[in-house]
Amino acid sequence: MGRSVASIRQEVKRIAERWGKTKRALRKEDQLYAEKLAEMTKRHSNEVFYLFDDALEAAVFSVLIEIMKEIDEIKANQDVDS
């Protein structure tokens, strides 16, 4: 039987929830970052999940896209300030 996009989406949601809960085990200064990673994972839903068979890979891909967007935003702001 083939994979289901819904099941990949559900598993990514579970990964994001676990990452969010993990923040409690981290130092105070790292908890914000754990929460942010969990949120980044949730930002890409349907467009990412069609392409992956592995939910963890989809979650990490989503986070990397968001990190790259933040880097580009920082660079753009630096160019404006210069």
N, C-alpha and C. Protein backbone atom coordinates (compact mmCIF):
# COMPACT_ATOMS: atom_id res chain seq x y z
N MET A 1 0.84 -1.17 0.00
CA MET A 1 0.00 0.00 0.00
C MET A 1 0.89 1.24 0.00
N GLY A 2 0.52 2.28 -0.75
CA GLY A 2 1.31 3.50 -0.87
C GLY A 2 1.21 4.37 0.36
N ARG A 3 2.12 5.31 0.43
CA ARG A 3 2.12 6.21 1.57
C ARG A 3 1.00 7.23 1.44
N SER A 4 0.66 7.81 2.53
CA SER A 4 -0.40 8.80 2.56
C SER A 4 0.19 10.14 2.97
N VAL A 5 -0.16 11.20 2.24
CA VAL A 5 0.31 12.54 2.58
C VAL A 5 -0.19 12.90 3.98
N ALA A 6 -1.42 12.50 4.28
CA ALA A 6 -1.98 12.80 5.61
C ALA A 6 -1.14 12.17 6.71
N SER A 7 -0.68 10.94 6.49
CA SER A 7 0.10 10.30 7.54
C SER A 7 1.47 10.96 7.71
N ILE A 8 2.07 11.41 6.63
CA ILE A 8 3.34 12.14 6.72
C ILE A 8 3.10 13.45 7.48
N ARG A 9 2.03 14.15 7.15
CA ARG A 9 1.69 15.40 7.82
C ARG A 9 1.47 15.17 9.31
N GLN A 10 0.78 14.11 9.65
CA GLN A 10 0.52 13.80 11.06
C GLN A 10 1.81 13.48 11.80
N GLU A 11 2.69 12.75 11.15
CA GLU A 11 3.96 12.40 11.79
C GLU A 11 4.84 13.64 11.97
N VAL A 12 4.84 14.54 11.00
CA VAL A 12 5.60 15.79 11.15
C VAL A 12 5.01 16.60 12.31
N LYS A 13 3.71 16.61 12.43
CA LYS A 13 3.07 17.31 13.55
C LYS A 13 3.52 16.70 14.88
N ARG A 14 3.61 15.37 14.93
CA ARG A 14 4.08 14.70 16.16
C ARG A 14 5.54 15.06 16.45
N ILE A 15 6.34 15.13 15.41
CA ILE A 15 7.75 15.52 15.58
C ILE A 15 7.82 16.94 16.15
N ALA A 16 7.05 17.85 15.58
CA ALA A 16 7.04 19.24 16.07
C ALA A 16 6.59 19.30 17.52
N GLU A 17 5.60 18.51 17.88
CA GLU A 17 5.12 18.47 19.26
C GLU A 17 6.21 17.94 20.21
N ARG A 18 6.92 16.89 19.78
CA ARG A 18 8.01 16.35 20.61
C ARG A 18 9.12 17.39 20.77
N TRP A 19 9.46 18.08 19.67
CA TRP A 19 10.49 19.10 19.74
C TRP A 19 10.05 20.22 20.68
N GLY A 20 8.78 20.58 20.62
CA GLY A 20 8.26 21.61 21.52
C GLY A 20 8.32 21.18 22.97
N LYS A 21 8.00 19.94 23.25
CA LYS A 21 8.04 19.42 24.63
C LYS A 21 9.47 19.28 25.15
N THR A 22 10.39 19.04 24.26
CA THR A 22 11.79 18.85 24.63
C THR A 22 12.36 20.11 25.26
N LYS A 23 11.77 21.25 24.95
CA LYS A 23 12.32 22.50 25.48
C LYS A 23 12.40 22.49 27.01
N ARG A 24 11.50 21.77 27.66
CA ARG A 24 11.52 21.72 29.12
C ARG A 24 12.80 21.11 29.68
N ALA A 25 13.45 20.27 28.89
CA ALA A 25 14.67 19.61 29.33
C ALA A 25 15.92 20.46 29.05
N LEU A 26 15.72 21.56 28.35
CA LEU A 26 16.85 22.40 27.96
C LEU A 26 17.09 23.52 28.97
N ARG A 27 18.27 24.10 28.85
CA ARG A 27 18.56 25.29 29.65
C ARG A 27 17.61 26.41 29.24
N LYS A 28 17.36 27.29 30.17
CA LYS A 28 16.40 28.38 29.96
C LYS A 28 16.69 29.15 28.67
N GLU A 29 17.96 29.46 28.43
CA GLU A 29 18.31 30.27 27.25
C GLU A 29 18.12 29.51 25.93
N ASP A 30 18.02 28.18 25.99
CA ASP A 30 17.82 27.38 24.78
C ASP A 30 16.36 27.05 24.51
N GLN A 31 15.51 27.24 25.49
CA GLN A 31 14.10 26.85 25.35
C GLN A 31 13.39 27.61 24.23
N LEU A 32 13.69 28.87 24.07
CA LEU A 32 13.08 29.66 22.99
C LEU A 32 13.41 29.07 21.63
N TYR A 33 14.64 28.60 21.47
CA TYR A 33 15.07 28.04 20.19
C TYR A 33 14.37 26.71 19.89
N ALA A 34 14.17 25.90 20.90
CA ALA A 34 13.45 24.64 20.71
C ALA A 34 12.02 24.92 20.26
N GLU A 35 11.41 25.89 20.90
CA GLU A 35 10.04 26.27 20.52
C GLU A 35 9.99 26.81 19.10
N LYS A 36 10.99 27.60 18.75
CA LYS A 36 11.05 28.17 17.40
C LYS A 36 11.23 27.07 16.35
N LEU A 37 12.07 26.07 16.63
CA LEU A 37 12.24 24.95 15.71
C LEU A 37 10.93 24.21 15.50
N ALA A 38 10.21 23.99 16.58
CA ALA A 38 8.92 23.31 16.46
C ALA A 38 7.96 24.12 15.60
N GLU A 39 7.95 25.43 15.76
CA GLU A 39 7.08 26.28 14.95
C GLU A 39 7.50 26.28 13.48
N MET A 40 8.80 26.32 13.24
CA MET A 40 9.30 26.28 11.86
C MET A 40 8.87 25.01 11.15
N THR A 41 8.84 23.92 11.87
CA THR A 41 8.45 22.64 11.30
C THR A 41 7.01 22.66 10.80
N LYS A 42 6.17 23.39 11.51
CA LYS A 42 4.75 23.43 11.18
C LYS A 42 4.42 24.38 10.02
N ARG A 43 5.33 25.24 9.63
CA ARG A 43 5.03 26.26 8.62
C ARG A 43 4.81 25.72 7.22
N HIS A 44 5.40 24.59 6.92
CA HIS A 44 5.26 24.00 5.59
C HIS A 44 4.40 22.76 5.72
N SER A 45 3.26 22.82 5.11
CA SER A 45 2.38 21.66 5.25
C SER A 45 2.32 20.87 3.96
N ASN A 46 1.34 21.10 3.18
CA ASN A 46 1.10 20.27 2.00
C ASN A 46 2.22 20.30 0.97
N GLU A 47 2.79 21.48 0.73
CA GLU A 47 3.78 21.58 -0.34
C GLU A 47 5.02 20.73 -0.08
N VAL A 48 5.38 20.51 1.15
CA VAL A 48 6.57 19.72 1.47
C VAL A 48 6.25 18.23 1.53
N PHE A 49 5.13 17.88 2.10
CA PHE A 49 4.85 16.49 2.41
C PHE A 49 4.61 15.62 1.19
N TYR A 50 4.24 16.20 0.09
CA TYR A 50 4.07 15.41 -1.13
C TYR A 50 5.39 14.84 -1.63
N LEU A 51 6.47 15.48 -1.27
CA LEU A 51 7.77 15.12 -1.83
C LEU A 51 8.59 14.15 -1.00
N PHE A 52 8.17 13.91 0.23
CA PHE A 52 8.98 13.09 1.13
C PHE A 52 8.23 11.84 1.60
N ASP A 53 9.00 10.77 1.76
CA ASP A 53 8.48 9.54 2.34
C ASP A 53 8.78 9.47 3.83
N ASP A 54 9.71 10.29 4.28
CA ASP A 54 10.17 10.28 5.66
C ASP A 54 9.76 11.57 6.35
N ALA A 55 8.99 11.46 7.41
CA ALA A 55 8.48 12.64 8.12
C ALA A 55 9.60 13.46 8.74
N LEU A 56 10.63 12.82 9.26
CA LEU A 56 11.74 13.56 9.85
C LEU A 56 12.46 14.37 8.79
N GLU A 57 12.66 13.78 7.64
CA GLU A 57 13.30 14.51 6.54
C GLU A 57 12.45 15.73 6.15
N ALA A 58 11.14 15.57 6.09
CA ALA A 58 10.25 16.68 5.76
C ALA A 58 10.34 17.77 6.83
N ALA A 59 10.40 17.37 8.10
CA ALA A 59 10.49 18.34 9.19
C ALA A 59 11.80 19.11 9.12
N VAL A 60 12.89 18.42 8.94
CA VAL A 60 14.20 19.07 8.87
C VAL A 60 14.27 19.99 7.64
N PHE A 61 13.75 19.54 6.53
CA PHE A 61 13.72 20.35 5.32
C PHE A 61 12.95 21.65 5.57
N SER A 62 11.82 21.55 6.24
CA SER A 62 11.02 22.74 6.56
C SER A 62 11.81 23.72 7.42
N VAL A 63 12.50 23.20 8.42
CA VAL A 63 13.30 24.05 9.31
C VAL A 63 14.42 24.71 8.52
N LEU A 64 15.09 23.96 7.67
CA LEU A 64 16.18 24.54 6.89
C LEU A 64 15.70 25.65 5.97
N ILE A 65 14.54 25.47 5.35
CA ILE A 65 13.97 26.51 4.49
C ILE A 65 13.73 27.78 5.32
N GLU A 66 13.15 27.62 6.50
CA GLU A 66 12.87 28.77 7.36
C GLU A 66 14.15 29.46 7.81
N ILE A 67 15.17 28.70 8.13
CA ILE A 67 16.46 29.28 8.53
C ILE A 67 17.06 30.07 7.38
N MET A 68 17.01 29.52 6.18
CA MET A 68 17.55 30.21 5.02
C MET A 68 16.79 31.51 4.75
N LYS A 69 15.48 31.49 4.93
CA LYS A 69 14.69 32.70 4.75
C LYS A 69 15.09 33.76 5.78
N GLU A 70 15.32 33.36 7.01
CA GLU A 70 15.75 34.31 8.04
C GLU A 70 17.12 34.89 7.72
N ILE A 71 18.03 34.07 7.23
CA ILE A 71 19.36 34.55 6.83
C ILE A 71 19.22 35.58 5.72
N ASP A 72 18.41 35.29 4.72
CA ASP A 72 18.21 36.24 3.62
C ASP A 72 17.61 37.55 4.12
N GLU A 73 16.69 37.46 5.07
CA GLU A 73 16.08 38.67 5.64
C GLU A 73 17.11 39.50 6.38
N ILE A 74 17.96 38.85 7.14
CA ILE A 74 19.02 39.56 7.86
C ILE A 74 19.96 40.24 6.87
N LYS A 75 20.35 39.52 5.83
CA LYS A 75 21.24 40.10 4.81
C LYS A 75 20.59 41.30 4.13
N ALA A 76 19.31 41.18 3.81
CA ALA A 76 18.60 42.28 3.17
C ALA A 76 18.55 43.50 4.08
N ASN A 77 18.32 43.27 5.37
CA ASN A 77 18.29 44.39 6.32
C ASN A 77 19.66 45.04 6.46
N GLN A 78 20.72 44.24 6.38
CA GLN A 78 22.06 44.79 6.47
C GLN A 78 22.37 45.65 5.24
N ASP A 79 21.89 45.20 4.07
CA ASP A 79 22.11 45.96 2.85
C ASP A 79 21.38 47.30 2.90
N VAL A 80 20.20 47.32 3.48
CA VAL A 80 19.43 48.56 3.61
C VAL A 80 20.12 49.52 4.57
N ASP A 81 20.68 48.97 5.65
CA ASP A 81 21.35 49.80 6.66
C ASP A 81 22.69 50.35 6.17
N SER A 82 23.27 49.71 5.18
CA SER A 82 24.59 50.14 4.69
C SER A 82 24.55 51.36 3.83
